[in-house]
Amino acid sequence: MQRRLVLFGLGLLAAGCASPEPSLYRLLPRPGVQRAGGPGLLELRQVGVPGYLDRPEIVRAGEGPRLRSLPNERWAEPLGDLVGSVLGENLTLRLPGTTVATEGGALRAEGEVVVEVDIQRFEAGEAGRVELVAQVSVRRRAARDRRNTRIVRLDALPASPDTAAMVAAMSEALGGLADTIAGMAVGR
């Protein structure tokens, strides 16, 4: 009987030490200014995301060069895939009449306009402000050698210091990136 009580007690102890279920987060599309004159088909290539961010855990900046990963706060899917699909949705909202084909999706298409994005930074900084730095290239397939390339720097201030507010601010910054890309795609 005493052995059963000990085993039962160890079982309760092990159950009490179990990690809590992680919270899952996703980025959400944001509406923006619609731009007429977009291409019929826009091809969004696979978005590049730094390896330190493309992990299950959400990463926040710490002091100086330090980073913190949040073990119980995770992305619902790999961040690179999530950014690509939400950026595609954002572009669809901004370019009425344009079909946006994402390279990470199941459909393959060669667009009249090809967009490439390489994200260099996309996290909450020390002060809590979300920073997005991306290199963007937009080219018309017909004009093979001519590209419009630029570095885009955006930031957004979360409404509070919690992770949900940080992810909402990241969604806002990604919407701002889509605004810039949409303008580049229509030639403005």
Protein backbone atom coordinates (compact mmCIF):
# COMPACT_ATOMS: atom_id res chain seq x y z
CA MET A 1 0.00 0.00 0.00
CA GLN A 2 2.81 2.37 0.89
CA ARG A 3 4.48 1.65 -2.46
CA ARG A 4 1.26 2.56 -4.31
CA LEU A 5 1.04 5.82 -2.41
CA VAL A 6 4.65 6.64 -3.28
CA LEU A 7 4.02 5.88 -6.97
CA PHE A 8 0.80 7.89 -6.90
CA GLY A 9 2.65 10.81 -5.28
CA LEU A 10 5.42 10.61 -7.90
CA GLY A 11 2.78 10.62 -10.63
CA LEU A 12 1.18 13.75 -9.19
CA LEU A 13 4.58 15.39 -8.87
CA ALA A 14 5.42 14.60 -12.50
CA ALA A 15 2.05 15.96 -13.65
CA GLY A 16 2.64 19.15 -11.72
CA CYS A 17 6.05 19.63 -13.36
CA ALA A 18 4.74 19.25 -16.90
CA SER A 19 5.19 22.26 -19.14
CA PRO A 20 2.07 24.25 -19.88
CA GLU A 21 0.60 23.95 -23.35
CA PRO A 22 2.35 26.53 -25.58
CA SER A 23 0.38 29.47 -26.94
CA LEU A 24 0.33 29.55 -30.75
CA TYR A 25 0.33 32.80 -32.73
CA ARG A 26 -0.13 33.77 -36.36
CA LEU A 27 0.22 36.96 -38.31
CA LEU A 28 -2.97 38.39 -39.79
CA PRO A 29 -3.52 40.31 -43.02
CA ARG A 30 -4.26 44.02 -42.71
CA PRO A 31 -6.25 46.15 -45.17
CA GLY A 32 -4.43 48.96 -46.94
CA VAL A 33 -4.79 51.48 -49.73
CA GLN A 34 -6.01 49.84 -52.92
CA ARG A 35 -4.00 50.68 -56.02
CA ALA A 36 -5.39 50.47 -59.53
CA GLY A 37 -3.23 49.43 -62.47
CA GLY A 38 -1.71 46.32 -60.93
CA PRO A 39 -0.62 43.37 -63.06
CA GLY A 40 -3.01 40.56 -63.90
CA LEU A 41 -0.73 38.06 -62.17
CA LEU A 42 1.91 38.85 -59.55
CA GLU A 43 4.38 36.14 -58.51
CA LEU A 44 5.59 36.42 -54.91
CA ARG A 45 8.72 34.33 -54.53
CA GLN A 46 9.59 32.51 -51.29
CA VAL A 47 10.25 35.17 -48.64
CA GLY A 48 13.70 34.95 -47.05
CA VAL A 49 13.72 35.08 -43.24
CA PRO A 50 16.85 34.99 -41.06
CA GLY A 51 17.48 31.59 -39.50
CA TYR A 52 17.41 32.99 -35.96
CA LEU A 53 13.76 33.97 -36.54
CA ASP A 54 12.58 30.98 -38.56
CA ARG A 55 12.07 28.71 -35.56
CA PRO A 56 8.99 27.57 -33.64
CA GLU A 57 9.60 29.90 -30.66
CA ILE A 58 8.87 33.60 -30.95
CA VAL A 59 12.05 35.65 -30.62
CA ARG A 60 12.39 39.03 -28.93
CA ALA A 61 15.45 41.24 -28.79
CA GLY A 62 17.19 41.53 -25.44
CA GLU A 63 19.93 43.88 -24.30
CA GLY A 64 22.38 44.81 -27.05
CA PRO A 65 23.05 41.81 -29.28
CA ARG A 66 21.19 39.33 -27.05
CA LEU A 67 18.01 37.61 -28.18
CA ARG A 68 15.37 35.84 -26.11
CA SER A 69 13.25 32.99 -27.37
CA LEU A 70 9.89 32.48 -25.71
CA PRO A 71 9.60 28.69 -25.24
CA ASN A 72 5.86 28.63 -24.50
CA GLU A 73 4.93 31.21 -27.17
CA ARG A 74 5.30 29.82 -30.65
CA TRP A 75 4.43 30.46 -34.25
CA ALA A 76 1.59 28.32 -35.59
CA GLU A 77 3.73 27.46 -38.64
CA PRO A 78 7.29 28.24 -39.78
CA LEU A 79 7.69 32.03 -39.78
CA GLY A 80 8.97 32.16 -43.38
CA ASP A 81 5.85 30.38 -44.65
CA LEU A 82 3.59 32.50 -42.46
CA VAL A 83 5.14 35.77 -43.64
CA GLY A 84 4.86 34.69 -47.29
CA SER A 85 1.20 33.71 -47.11
CA VAL A 86 0.14 36.81 -45.15
CA LEU A 87 2.17 39.10 -47.43
CA GLY A 88 0.40 37.46 -50.39
CA GLU A 89 -2.99 38.12 -48.78
CA ASN A 90 -2.00 41.72 -48.06
CA LEU A 91 -0.99 42.25 -51.69
CA THR A 92 -4.29 40.80 -52.89
CA LEU A 93 -6.13 43.32 -50.67
CA ARG A 94 -4.08 46.21 -52.11
CA LEU A 95 -4.12 45.26 -55.80
CA PRO A 96 -7.74 44.69 -56.87
CA GLY A 97 -7.96 42.64 -60.05
CA THR A 98 -4.51 41.12 -59.47
CA THR A 99 -4.04 37.45 -58.72
CA VAL A 100 -1.14 36.90 -56.33
CA ALA A 101 0.60 33.53 -56.62
CA THR A 102 2.95 32.72 -53.74
CA GLU A 103 5.87 30.42 -54.40
CA GLY A 104 5.27 28.67 -51.07
CA GLY A 105 1.70 27.79 -52.08
CA ALA A 106 0.42 24.77 -53.99
CA LEU A 107 -0.24 26.71 -57.22
CA ARG A 108 2.64 27.56 -59.54
CA ALA A 109 2.40 30.48 -61.93
CA GLU A 110 4.74 32.83 -63.77
CA GLY A 111 3.55 36.34 -63.05
CA GLU A 112 3.85 39.43 -65.17
CA VAL A 113 5.49 40.98 -62.12
CA VAL A 114 7.94 39.06 -59.93
CA VAL A 115 8.46 40.14 -56.31
CA GLU A 116 11.33 38.94 -54.14
CA VAL A 117 11.63 39.81 -50.45
CA ASP A 118 14.51 39.15 -48.10
CA ILE A 119 13.67 40.03 -44.51
CA GLN A 120 16.75 41.01 -42.54
CA ARG A 121 15.14 41.93 -39.20
CA PHE A 122 11.61 41.35 -37.90
CA GLU A 123 11.28 41.33 -34.10
CA ALA A 124 10.45 43.51 -31.14
CA GLY A 125 13.45 45.59 -30.11
CA GLU A 126 14.61 46.44 -26.60
CA ALA A 127 12.03 49.22 -26.23
CA GLY A 128 9.24 46.89 -27.40
CA ARG A 129 8.91 48.54 -30.83
CA VAL A 130 8.65 46.04 -33.69
CA GLU A 131 11.30 46.60 -36.35
CA LEU A 132 10.99 45.27 -39.90
CA VAL A 133 13.90 45.64 -42.31
CA ALA A 134 13.55 44.00 -45.71
CA GLN A 135 15.22 44.14 -49.07
CA VAL A 136 12.59 44.15 -51.83
CA SER A 137 12.99 43.58 -55.56
CA VAL A 138 10.15 44.06 -58.05
CA ARG A 139 10.58 43.41 -61.76
CA ARG A 140 8.36 43.07 -64.76
CA ARG A 141 9.00 39.79 -66.53
CA ALA A 142 8.97 41.57 -69.92
CA ALA A 143 11.77 43.91 -68.78
CA ARG A 144 14.11 41.12 -67.71
CA ASP A 145 17.10 43.24 -66.73
CA ARG A 146 15.29 46.14 -65.05
CA ARG A 147 14.53 45.81 -61.37
CA ASN A 148 13.21 48.21 -58.81
CA THR A 149 15.11 47.28 -55.65
CA ARG A 150 15.09 49.00 -52.28
CA ILE A 151 15.55 48.54 -48.57
CA VAL A 152 12.33 49.03 -46.60
CA ARG A 153 12.50 49.98 -42.91
CA LEU A 154 9.29 50.00 -40.89
CA ASP A 155 8.38 49.94 -37.25
CA ALA A 156 5.21 49.59 -35.21
CA LEU A 157 4.57 50.14 -31.55
CA PRO A 158 2.60 47.38 -29.81
CA ALA A 159 -0.40 48.47 -27.71
CA SER A 160 1.04 46.60 -24.70
CA PRO A 161 4.16 44.57 -23.85
CA ASP A 162 2.50 41.16 -24.18
CA THR A 163 3.17 38.77 -27.05
CA ALA A 164 -0.29 39.09 -28.63
CA ALA A 165 0.20 42.85 -28.97
CA MET A 166 3.70 42.32 -30.38
CA VAL A 167 2.34 39.91 -33.01
CA ALA A 168 -0.42 42.41 -33.90
CA ALA A 169 2.26 45.10 -34.37
CA MET A 170 4.22 42.67 -36.57
CA SER A 171 1.06 42.22 -38.67
CA GLU A 172 0.80 46.01 -39.01
CA ALA A 173 4.43 46.28 -40.11
CA LEU A 174 3.91 43.50 -42.66
CA GLY A 175 0.89 45.44 -43.97
CA GLY A 176 3.17 48.48 -44.37
CA LEU A 177 5.61 46.34 -46.36
CA ALA A 178 2.74 45.25 -48.62
CA ASP A 179 1.83 48.93 -49.15
CA THR A 180 5.36 49.62 -50.39
CA ILE A 181 5.45 46.54 -52.63
CA ALA A 182 2.04 47.35 -54.12
CA GLY A 183 3.26 50.84 -54.99
CA MET A 184 6.37 49.37 -56.60
CA ALA A 185 4.27 46.83 -58.57
CA VAL A 186 2.11 49.53 -60.17
CA GLY A 187 5.12 51.73 -60.83
CA ARG A 188 4.64 54.42 -58.18
